[in-house]
Amino acid sequence: MPEKQNYNQKNLAEMLLDEGLISEAQYEAVLESHRDSGKRLSDILVDNNYITEGVKVNFLKKLLKLKVVKLAGLKIPQEILQIIPREIAEKYRTVPLKLADNVLTVAMDDPSDPTIIDNLKMVTNYEIKPVLASTKDIKSALSQYEGVEKAEEEVEEISSFPQRLAHNLVAIVIMAIPFLIYLYQIFIGLADNPEAQRVWLEPTNQITFYLVWALWVSLVYEVDTIFFR
């Protein structure tokens, strides 16, 4: 039997063992599975039917004196979701719910690990107030991040339009430089020299010019693609 110690220094499996909700053999099996797979203790306990999800939530509610919330049908504002990055929220299975007086209320399916709370404080720069929710509700609520990411992509698309437009216009002007020079030579530069103008307008010279121009356009496009796009 593990040595008795303060609850806030123990993991969930150890606390369940102390309360007689799992056997010592189950406790050892959970720790071994955790070492081998890296899975969360709470997941191993529930997946192996050592406890049910309801037992886990009620045990943590009683032990940690936390409120249990139902997230089904709850629409979380985008500005609240953005406080915790999606990858962090998924890693810790936590969902931000409300921000008030510099305190961020977050729903968690297993707040028994104090390091998670500390990490969330560092990420958000807010005090963290945990509340309990089932794993199913947490996973369902995490799907709302997809709407946030889509909205961010739309904002980025709109905000970047002027820059992309300016970039494309500059590229078009650079591509058109040889053609503009060609037109200038024919209609302005050689206006007083019909013989030279005729030479520029010969089909062979025009074909040569357009081939060179096509090469120039391809070169500009490749450089633009490599260094700017």
Protein backbone atom coordinates (compact mmCIF):
# COMPACT_ATOMS: atom_id res chain seq x y z
CA MET A 1 0.00 0.00 0.00
CA PRO A 2 1.45 3.43 -0.93
CA GLU A 3 2.50 5.69 1.88
CA LYS A 4 -0.21 8.10 2.98
CA GLN A 5 0.29 11.70 1.94
CA ASN A 6 -1.64 14.90 1.36
CA TYR A 7 -4.23 14.68 -1.43
CA ASN A 8 -2.81 17.63 -3.32
CA GLN A 9 0.44 15.68 -3.63
CA LYS A 10 -1.26 12.58 -5.03
CA ASN A 11 -2.47 11.52 -8.46
CA LEU A 12 -6.04 10.47 -9.19
CA ALA A 13 -5.33 6.73 -9.04
CA GLU A 14 -3.66 7.10 -5.65
CA MET A 15 -6.60 9.05 -4.27
CA LEU A 16 -9.06 6.46 -5.54
CA LEU A 17 -6.98 3.74 -3.93
CA ASP A 18 -7.00 5.56 -0.59
CA GLU A 19 -10.81 5.76 -0.77
CA GLY A 20 -11.14 2.06 -1.61
CA LEU A 21 -12.66 2.72 -5.02
CA ILE A 22 -9.99 0.68 -6.80
CA SER A 23 -7.88 -2.23 -5.62
CA GLU A 24 -4.13 -2.19 -5.15
CA ALA A 25 -3.77 -4.54 -8.13
CA GLN A 26 -5.75 -2.11 -10.29
CA TYR A 27 -3.67 0.77 -8.98
CA GLU A 28 -0.44 -0.97 -9.95
CA ALA A 29 -1.88 -1.88 -13.36
CA VAL A 30 -2.87 1.75 -13.96
CA LEU A 31 0.62 3.02 -13.12
CA GLU A 32 2.25 0.40 -15.33
CA SER A 33 -0.04 1.25 -18.25
CA HIS A 34 0.66 4.95 -17.70
CA ARG A 35 4.42 4.35 -17.81
CA ASP A 36 4.15 2.23 -20.95
CA SER A 37 1.66 4.29 -22.95
CA GLY A 38 1.83 7.79 -21.49
CA LYS A 39 -1.98 7.90 -21.39
CA ARG A 40 -3.69 9.94 -18.72
CA LEU A 41 -4.47 8.09 -15.50
CA SER A 42 -8.12 9.06 -15.69
CA ASP A 43 -8.40 7.63 -19.21
CA ILE A 44 -6.79 4.34 -18.17
CA LEU A 45 -9.08 4.05 -15.16
CA VAL A 46 -12.23 4.59 -17.23
CA ASP A 47 -11.10 2.67 -20.34
CA ASN A 48 -10.31 -0.39 -18.22
CA ASN A 49 -13.65 -0.13 -16.39
CA TYR A 50 -11.96 0.28 -13.02
CA ILE A 51 -14.30 3.23 -12.50
CA THR A 52 -17.03 4.85 -14.58
CA GLU A 53 -16.96 8.40 -15.90
CA GLY A 54 -19.70 9.27 -13.42
CA VAL A 55 -17.72 7.88 -10.49
CA LYS A 56 -14.68 9.86 -11.57
CA VAL A 57 -16.61 13.15 -11.85
CA ASN A 58 -18.46 12.67 -8.56
CA PHE A 59 -15.27 11.66 -6.75
CA LEU A 60 -13.40 14.74 -7.96
CA LYS A 61 -16.41 16.94 -7.19
CA LYS A 62 -16.48 15.71 -3.59
CA LEU A 63 -12.72 15.64 -3.10
CA LEU A 64 -11.83 18.97 -4.72
CA LYS A 65 -15.14 20.70 -3.89
CA LEU A 66 -15.64 21.81 -7.47
CA LYS A 67 -18.77 22.67 -9.38
CA VAL A 68 -19.90 20.27 -12.12
CA VAL A 69 -21.10 21.93 -15.34
CA LYS A 70 -22.96 20.63 -18.37
CA LEU A 71 -21.44 21.84 -21.63
CA ALA A 72 -23.93 20.29 -24.04
CA GLY A 73 -25.50 23.05 -26.13
CA LEU A 74 -23.33 25.75 -24.55
CA LYS A 75 -22.03 28.29 -27.09
CA ILE A 76 -18.68 29.66 -25.95
CA PRO A 77 -17.77 33.15 -27.26
CA GLN A 78 -14.87 33.16 -29.70
CA GLU A 79 -12.97 35.78 -27.71
CA ILE A 80 -13.04 33.42 -24.71
CA LEU A 81 -11.92 30.37 -26.67
CA GLN A 82 -8.99 32.33 -28.10
CA ILE A 83 -7.55 32.84 -24.61
CA ILE A 84 -6.31 29.24 -24.56
CA PRO A 85 -4.74 28.03 -27.84
CA ARG A 86 -6.43 24.97 -29.31
CA GLU A 87 -3.37 22.72 -28.97
CA ILE A 88 -3.10 23.57 -25.26
CA ALA A 89 -6.82 23.07 -24.70
CA GLU A 90 -6.71 19.66 -26.40
CA LYS A 91 -3.55 18.62 -24.58
CA TYR A 92 -5.03 19.33 -21.15
CA ARG A 93 -8.66 18.66 -22.17
CA THR A 94 -9.78 21.99 -20.86
CA VAL A 95 -12.19 24.57 -22.25
CA PRO A 96 -12.28 28.26 -21.22
CA LEU A 97 -15.79 29.36 -20.27
CA LYS A 98 -15.75 32.81 -18.71
CA LEU A 99 -13.37 35.65 -17.86
CA ALA A 100 -14.18 38.01 -15.00
CA ASP A 101 -11.97 40.09 -12.71
CA ASN A 102 -8.80 38.54 -14.10
CA VAL A 103 -10.08 35.04 -13.28
CA LEU A 104 -10.58 32.57 -16.11
CA THR A 105 -13.12 29.82 -15.47
CA VAL A 106 -12.15 26.65 -17.29
CA ALA A 107 -13.95 23.33 -17.58
CA MET A 108 -11.75 20.27 -17.06
CA ASP A 109 -12.41 16.54 -16.91
CA ASP A 110 -9.55 15.95 -14.46
CA PRO A 111 -8.29 18.96 -12.48
CA SER A 112 -6.51 16.77 -9.92
CA ASP A 113 -3.10 17.56 -11.42
CA PRO A 114 -2.01 20.98 -10.05
CA THR A 115 0.69 21.34 -12.71
CA ILE A 116 -2.04 21.72 -15.36
CA ILE A 117 -3.50 24.68 -13.48
CA ASP A 118 -0.04 26.23 -13.16
CA ASN A 119 0.65 25.78 -16.87
CA LEU A 120 -2.67 27.37 -17.80
CA LYS A 121 -1.80 30.35 -15.60
CA MET A 122 1.46 30.78 -17.48
CA VAL A 123 -0.20 30.47 -20.88
CA THR A 124 -3.10 32.82 -20.19
CA ASN A 125 -1.67 35.20 -17.55
CA TYR A 126 -4.94 34.81 -15.64
CA GLU A 127 -5.89 33.16 -12.39
CA ILE A 128 -7.54 29.84 -13.17
CA LYS A 129 -10.83 28.71 -11.65
CA PRO A 130 -11.47 25.05 -12.59
CA VAL A 131 -14.89 23.47 -12.86
CA LEU A 132 -15.68 19.84 -13.63
CA ALA A 133 -17.18 18.42 -16.83
CA SER A 134 -17.36 14.98 -18.33
CA THR A 135 -14.77 13.93 -20.90
CA LYS A 136 -17.53 13.61 -23.51
CA ASP A 137 -18.68 17.19 -22.89
CA ILE A 138 -15.12 18.51 -22.99
CA LYS A 139 -14.37 16.82 -26.32
CA SER A 140 -17.63 18.11 -27.77
CA ALA A 141 -16.90 21.66 -26.60
CA LEU A 142 -13.38 21.51 -28.06
CA SER A 143 -14.95 21.17 -31.51
CA GLN A 144 -16.00 24.82 -31.24
CA TYR A 145 -12.36 25.75 -31.89
CA GLU A 146 -12.97 24.84 -35.54
CA GLY A 147 -15.32 27.81 -35.83
CA VAL A 148 -12.72 30.09 -34.24
CA GLU A 149 -10.00 28.97 -36.66
CA LYS A 150 -12.31 29.41 -39.63
CA ALA A 151 -13.18 32.94 -38.52
CA GLU A 152 -9.49 33.75 -38.04
CA GLU A 153 -8.72 32.51 -41.54
CA GLU A 154 -11.47 34.70 -42.99
CA VAL A 155 -10.16 37.75 -41.12
CA GLU A 156 -6.63 37.02 -42.31
CA GLU A 157 -7.87 36.62 -45.87
CA ILE A 158 -9.64 39.98 -45.75
CA SER A 159 -6.76 41.81 -44.06
CA SER A 160 -4.18 40.44 -46.48
CA PHE A 161 -6.13 41.34 -49.64
CA PRO A 162 -4.63 44.86 -50.09
CA GLN A 163 -1.09 43.49 -49.67
CA ARG A 164 -1.71 40.68 -52.14
CA LEU A 165 -3.29 43.09 -54.62
CA ALA A 166 -0.33 45.48 -54.40
CA HIS A 167 2.12 42.59 -54.75
CA ASN A 168 0.37 41.25 -57.85
CA LEU A 169 0.23 44.70 -59.47
CA VAL A 170 3.98 45.18 -58.94
CA ALA A 171 4.67 41.75 -60.44
CA ILE A 172 2.52 42.53 -63.48
CA VAL A 173 4.31 45.85 -64.04
CA ILE A 174 7.72 44.14 -63.85
CA MET A 175 6.56 41.47 -66.30
CA ALA A 176 5.31 44.15 -68.69
CA ILE A 177 8.54 46.21 -68.73
CA PRO A 178 10.01 44.64 -71.96
CA PHE A 179 6.67 45.01 -73.77
CA LEU A 180 6.37 48.66 -72.70
CA ILE A 181 9.90 49.31 -73.95
CA TYR A 182 9.01 47.60 -77.23
CA LEU A 183 5.92 49.79 -77.72
CA TYR A 184 7.88 52.89 -76.81
CA GLN A 185 10.58 52.12 -79.37
CA ILE A 186 8.09 51.55 -82.20
CA PHE A 187 5.69 54.40 -81.67
CA ILE A 188 7.84 57.07 -79.99
CA GLY A 189 11.54 56.30 -80.08
CA LEU A 190 11.60 55.40 -83.79
CA ALA A 191 8.75 57.63 -84.96
CA ASP A 192 11.23 59.75 -87.00
CA ASN A 193 13.08 56.73 -88.41
CA PRO A 194 10.69 54.68 -90.58
CA GLU A 195 13.45 52.32 -91.72
CA ALA A 196 14.41 51.34 -88.18
CA GLN A 197 10.76 51.12 -87.25
CA ARG A 198 10.16 48.70 -90.13
CA VAL A 199 12.99 46.49 -88.89
CA TRP A 200 11.38 46.26 -85.44
CA LEU A 201 8.05 45.31 -87.05
CA GLU A 202 9.42 42.48 -89.18
CA PRO A 203 7.69 39.18 -88.29
CA THR A 204 10.97 37.43 -87.45
CA ASN A 205 11.99 40.18 -85.04
CA GLN A 206 8.53 40.24 -83.47
CA ILE A 207 8.58 36.48 -82.90
CA THR A 208 12.04 36.78 -81.35
CA PHE A 209 10.84 39.58 -79.11
CA TYR A 210 7.79 37.64 -77.89
CA LEU A 211 9.90 34.57 -77.15
CA VAL A 212 12.32 36.69 -75.13
CA TRP A 213 9.40 38.37 -73.40
CA ALA A 214 7.85 34.99 -72.53
CA LEU A 215 11.20 33.94 -71.04
CA TRP A 216 11.30 37.16 -69.01
CA VAL A 217 7.76 36.65 -67.70
CA SER A 218 8.58 33.04 -66.70
CA LEU A 219 11.73 34.18 -64.91
CA VAL A 220 9.87 36.89 -62.98
CA TYR A 221 7.14 34.41 -62.03
CA GLU A 222 9.66 31.83 -60.77
CA VAL A 223 11.56 34.40 -58.71
CA ASP A 224 8.29 35.69 -57.26
CA THR A 225 7.15 32.16 -56.40
CA ILE A 226 10.43 31.19 -54.72
CA PHE A 227 11.09 34.32 -52.69
CA PHE A 228 7.74 35.97 -52.06
CA ARG A 229 4.80 33.54 -52.21
